[in-house]
Amino acid sequence: MNICKHRTAWPRCIECHADTYRGWTLSFDPPPIPIRDFDWSATGPNFDASWEGEEDGWVGNGEQVFARTRIGVIEEINAWFEEQSA
């Protein structure tokens, strides 16, 4: 049996198991920093990024959001769709 970083038997750990919402891939991957605002992320199906040089670094096309919780990242996706329809 495989055990994930949350000490749960894989693949039952909902935090490690990536899923989708409105075509976006949701994932839980908490960085090793005390700020929890980036624990959940969602990436759109058309996400693209390009290297813009040392000054700007990697620049994405906007189809990526971050949040503290799974519900928060879903709300961010909904807000992204609302902004696109305006």
N, C-alpha and C. Protein backbone atom coordinates (compact mmCIF):
# COMPACT_ATOMS: atom_id res chain seq x y z
N MET A 1 0.84 -1.17 0.00
CA MET A 1 0.00 0.00 0.00
C MET A 1 0.89 1.24 0.00
N ASN A 2 0.58 2.20 -0.86
CA ASN A 2 1.31 3.47 -0.92
C ASN A 2 0.69 4.46 0.05
N ILE A 3 1.54 5.20 0.75
CA ILE A 3 1.09 6.22 1.69
C ILE A 3 1.52 7.59 1.16
N CYS A 4 0.60 8.53 1.12
CA CYS A 4 0.90 9.86 0.60
C CYS A 4 1.55 10.73 1.68
N LYS A 5 1.87 11.96 1.31
CA LYS A 5 2.51 12.88 2.25
C LYS A 5 1.58 13.29 3.40
N HIS A 6 0.29 13.01 3.27
CA HIS A 6 -0.66 13.32 4.34
C HIS A 6 -0.94 12.09 5.20
N ARG A 7 -0.13 11.05 4.99
CA ARG A 7 -0.23 9.78 5.74
C ARG A 7 -1.57 9.10 5.53
N THR A 8 -2.05 9.17 4.30
CA THR A 8 -3.29 8.52 3.92
C THR A 8 -2.98 7.51 2.83
N ALA A 9 -3.71 6.41 2.82
CA ALA A 9 -3.50 5.41 1.78
C ALA A 9 -3.89 5.97 0.42
N TRP A 10 -2.98 5.94 -0.52
CA TRP A 10 -3.21 6.41 -1.89
C TRP A 10 -4.09 5.42 -2.60
N PRO A 11 -5.08 5.75 -3.41
CA PRO A 11 -5.45 7.09 -3.86
C PRO A 11 -6.60 7.69 -3.09
N ARG A 12 -6.84 7.28 -1.87
CA ARG A 12 -7.99 7.79 -1.12
C ARG A 12 -7.80 9.20 -0.60
N CYS A 13 -6.59 9.72 -0.63
CA CYS A 13 -6.34 11.06 -0.12
C CYS A 13 -6.91 12.10 -1.11
N ILE A 14 -7.99 12.75 -0.72
CA ILE A 14 -8.61 13.75 -1.60
C ILE A 14 -7.69 14.93 -1.82
N GLU A 15 -6.81 15.21 -0.86
CA GLU A 15 -5.91 16.34 -1.01
C GLU A 15 -4.85 16.08 -2.06
N CYS A 16 -4.44 14.84 -2.25
CA CYS A 16 -3.41 14.53 -3.25
C CYS A 16 -4.00 14.21 -4.61
N HIS A 17 -5.22 13.73 -4.62
CA HIS A 17 -5.83 13.27 -5.86
C HIS A 17 -6.34 14.47 -6.67
N ALA A 18 -5.76 14.68 -7.82
CA ALA A 18 -6.19 15.78 -8.67
C ALA A 18 -7.56 15.47 -9.28
N ASP A 19 -8.40 16.46 -9.37
CA ASP A 19 -9.69 16.30 -10.02
C ASP A 19 -9.94 17.50 -10.91
N THR A 20 -11.13 17.61 -11.48
CA THR A 20 -11.42 18.70 -12.40
C THR A 20 -12.71 19.41 -12.01
N TYR A 21 -12.80 20.65 -12.48
CA TYR A 21 -14.00 21.45 -12.32
C TYR A 21 -14.08 22.37 -13.53
N ARG A 22 -15.18 22.30 -14.27
CA ARG A 22 -15.39 23.11 -15.47
C ARG A 22 -14.23 22.97 -16.46
N GLY A 23 -13.64 21.79 -16.53
CA GLY A 23 -12.56 21.53 -17.46
C GLY A 23 -11.18 21.91 -16.94
N TRP A 24 -11.12 22.51 -15.77
CA TRP A 24 -9.84 22.91 -15.17
C TRP A 24 -9.35 21.79 -14.26
N THR A 25 -8.06 21.59 -14.20
CA THR A 25 -7.47 20.59 -13.32
C THR A 25 -7.17 21.22 -11.97
N LEU A 26 -7.72 20.63 -10.91
CA LEU A 26 -7.51 21.10 -9.54
C LEU A 26 -6.47 20.21 -8.88
N SER A 27 -5.60 20.81 -8.11
CA SER A 27 -4.63 20.01 -7.37
C SER A 27 -4.27 20.68 -6.05
N PHE A 28 -3.88 19.85 -5.11
CA PHE A 28 -3.48 20.29 -3.78
C PHE A 28 -2.00 19.97 -3.63
N ASP A 29 -1.20 21.01 -3.46
CA ASP A 29 0.24 20.83 -3.31
C ASP A 29 0.78 21.96 -2.46
N PRO A 30 0.67 21.86 -1.14
CA PRO A 30 1.08 22.96 -0.27
C PRO A 30 2.59 23.20 -0.32
N PRO A 31 3.00 24.42 -0.63
CA PRO A 31 4.44 24.71 -0.65
C PRO A 31 4.98 24.77 0.78
N PRO A 32 6.27 24.59 0.95
CA PRO A 32 6.85 24.58 2.30
C PRO A 32 7.07 25.98 2.87
N ILE A 33 6.00 26.77 2.86
CA ILE A 33 6.05 28.12 3.42
C ILE A 33 4.86 28.27 4.36
N PRO A 34 4.92 29.18 5.31
CA PRO A 34 3.81 29.30 6.26
C PRO A 34 2.54 29.93 5.67
N ILE A 35 2.61 30.50 4.49
CA ILE A 35 1.43 31.12 3.87
C ILE A 35 0.62 30.03 3.18
N ARG A 36 -0.65 29.91 3.51
CA ARG A 36 -1.49 28.83 2.98
C ARG A 36 -2.31 29.26 1.77
N ASP A 37 -2.13 30.47 1.24
CA ASP A 37 -2.95 30.98 0.14
C ASP A 37 -2.72 30.28 -1.19
N PHE A 38 -1.69 29.45 -1.28
CA PHE A 38 -1.36 28.81 -2.55
C PHE A 38 -1.41 27.29 -2.46
N ASP A 39 -2.09 26.75 -1.44
CA ASP A 39 -2.16 25.30 -1.25
C ASP A 39 -2.90 24.61 -2.39
N TRP A 40 -3.95 25.22 -2.89
CA TRP A 40 -4.74 24.67 -4.00
C TRP A 40 -4.49 25.49 -5.25
N SER A 41 -4.42 24.80 -6.37
CA SER A 41 -4.28 25.50 -7.65
C SER A 41 -5.20 24.86 -8.67
N ALA A 42 -5.52 25.62 -9.70
CA ALA A 42 -6.32 25.11 -10.80
C ALA A 42 -5.72 25.67 -12.09
N THR A 43 -5.62 24.81 -13.07
CA THR A 43 -5.04 25.18 -14.36
C THR A 43 -6.05 24.90 -15.46
N GLY A 44 -6.29 25.91 -16.30
CA GLY A 44 -7.24 25.77 -17.39
C GLY A 44 -6.70 24.89 -18.51
N PRO A 45 -7.60 24.38 -19.34
CA PRO A 45 -7.17 23.48 -20.41
C PRO A 45 -6.31 24.16 -21.47
N ASN A 46 -6.39 25.48 -21.58
CA ASN A 46 -5.61 26.20 -22.58
C ASN A 46 -4.47 26.99 -21.97
N PHE A 47 -4.06 26.60 -20.76
CA PHE A 47 -2.98 27.33 -20.09
C PHE A 47 -1.71 27.26 -20.91
N ASP A 48 -1.04 28.40 -20.98
CA ASP A 48 0.24 28.49 -21.68
C ASP A 48 1.09 29.53 -20.97
N ALA A 49 2.38 29.31 -20.96
CA ALA A 49 3.31 30.26 -20.35
C ALA A 49 4.52 30.40 -21.25
N SER A 50 5.13 31.57 -21.18
CA SER A 50 6.33 31.80 -21.98
C SER A 50 7.37 32.53 -21.14
N TRP A 51 8.63 32.32 -21.46
CA TRP A 51 9.73 32.97 -20.76
C TRP A 51 9.93 34.34 -21.36
N GLU A 52 9.80 35.38 -20.53
CA GLU A 52 9.90 36.76 -21.00
C GLU A 52 11.22 37.42 -20.60
N GLY A 53 12.18 36.62 -20.18
CA GLY A 53 13.49 37.16 -19.83
C GLY A 53 13.67 37.27 -18.33
N GLU A 54 14.88 37.62 -17.94
CA GLU A 54 15.23 37.68 -16.52
C GLU A 54 14.36 38.65 -15.73
N GLU A 55 14.00 39.76 -16.32
CA GLU A 55 13.24 40.78 -15.59
C GLU A 55 11.82 40.34 -15.29
N ASP A 56 11.13 39.73 -16.25
CA ASP A 56 9.73 39.33 -16.08
C ASP A 56 9.56 37.87 -15.73
N GLY A 57 10.52 37.02 -16.06
CA GLY A 57 10.41 35.59 -15.78
C GLY A 57 9.33 34.93 -16.62
N TRP A 58 8.67 33.92 -16.05
CA TRP A 58 7.60 33.22 -16.75
C TRP A 58 6.31 34.01 -16.66
N VAL A 59 5.63 34.16 -17.78
CA VAL A 59 4.36 34.88 -17.85
C VAL A 59 3.32 33.93 -18.43
N GLY A 60 2.21 33.74 -17.69
CA GLY A 60 1.14 32.86 -18.14
C GLY A 60 0.03 33.64 -18.82
N ASN A 61 -0.87 32.91 -19.46
CA ASN A 61 -1.98 33.55 -20.16
C ASN A 61 -3.19 33.78 -19.27
N GLY A 62 -3.07 33.54 -17.98
CA GLY A 62 -4.15 33.84 -17.05
C GLY A 62 -5.02 32.66 -16.68
N GLU A 63 -4.83 31.51 -17.30
CA GLU A 63 -5.67 30.36 -16.99
C GLU A 63 -5.07 29.54 -15.85
N GLN A 64 -4.77 30.22 -14.75
CA GLN A 64 -4.29 29.53 -13.56
C GLN A 64 -4.69 30.37 -12.35
N VAL A 65 -5.27 29.71 -11.36
CA VAL A 65 -5.68 30.40 -10.14
C VAL A 65 -5.19 29.62 -8.92
N PHE A 66 -5.11 30.31 -7.79
CA PHE A 66 -4.65 29.72 -6.54
C PHE A 66 -5.58 30.12 -5.41
N ALA A 67 -5.67 29.26 -4.39
CA ALA A 67 -6.49 29.58 -3.23
C ALA A 67 -6.06 28.74 -2.03
N ARG A 68 -6.60 29.09 -0.89
CA ARG A 68 -6.30 28.42 0.37
C ARG A 68 -6.99 27.06 0.47
N THR A 69 -8.21 26.94 -0.10
CA THR A 69 -9.01 25.72 0.01
C THR A 69 -9.51 25.28 -1.37
N ARG A 70 -10.05 24.06 -1.43
CA ARG A 70 -10.62 23.56 -2.68
C ARG A 70 -11.83 24.42 -3.09
N ILE A 71 -12.66 24.75 -2.13
CA ILE A 71 -13.83 25.59 -2.43
C ILE A 71 -13.36 26.97 -2.91
N GLY A 72 -12.31 27.49 -2.29
CA GLY A 72 -11.78 28.78 -2.72
C GLY A 72 -11.28 28.77 -4.14
N VAL A 73 -10.63 27.70 -4.54
CA VAL A 73 -10.12 27.64 -5.91
C VAL A 73 -11.28 27.48 -6.91
N ILE A 74 -12.34 26.79 -6.52
CA ILE A 74 -13.53 26.69 -7.37
C ILE A 74 -14.17 28.07 -7.53
N GLU A 75 -14.23 28.84 -6.45
CA GLU A 75 -14.76 30.20 -6.55
C GLU A 75 -13.90 31.07 -7.46
N GLU A 76 -12.59 30.88 -7.41
CA GLU A 76 -11.68 31.62 -8.31
C GLU A 76 -11.92 31.26 -9.77
N ILE A 77 -12.18 29.99 -10.04
CA ILE A 77 -12.48 29.56 -11.42
C ILE A 77 -13.77 30.22 -11.88
N ASN A 78 -14.80 30.20 -11.04
CA ASN A 78 -16.06 30.84 -11.40
C ASN A 78 -15.87 32.33 -11.67
N ALA A 79 -15.06 32.99 -10.85
CA ALA A 79 -14.78 34.41 -11.06
C ALA A 79 -14.04 34.62 -12.38
N TRP A 80 -13.12 33.73 -12.72
CA TRP A 80 -12.39 33.84 -13.98
C TRP A 80 -13.36 33.76 -15.15
N PHE A 81 -14.32 32.81 -15.10
CA PHE A 81 -15.31 32.67 -16.19
C PHE A 81 -16.19 33.92 -16.28
N GLU A 82 -16.56 34.49 -15.13
CA GLU A 82 -17.37 35.72 -15.14
C GLU A 82 -16.61 36.88 -15.79
N GLU A 83 -15.32 37.00 -15.47
CA GLU A 83 -14.51 38.05 -16.07
C GLU A 83 -14.38 37.87 -17.58
N GLN A 84 -14.28 36.64 -18.03
CA GLN A 84 -14.13 36.37 -19.46
C GLN A 84 -15.41 36.66 -20.24
N SER A 85 -16.56 36.53 -19.58
CA SER A 85 -17.83 36.77 -20.27
C SER A 85 -18.24 38.23 -20.27
N ALA A 86 -17.54 39.07 -19.51
CA ALA A 86 -17.88 40.49 -19.42
C ALA A 86 -17.40 41.25 -20.64
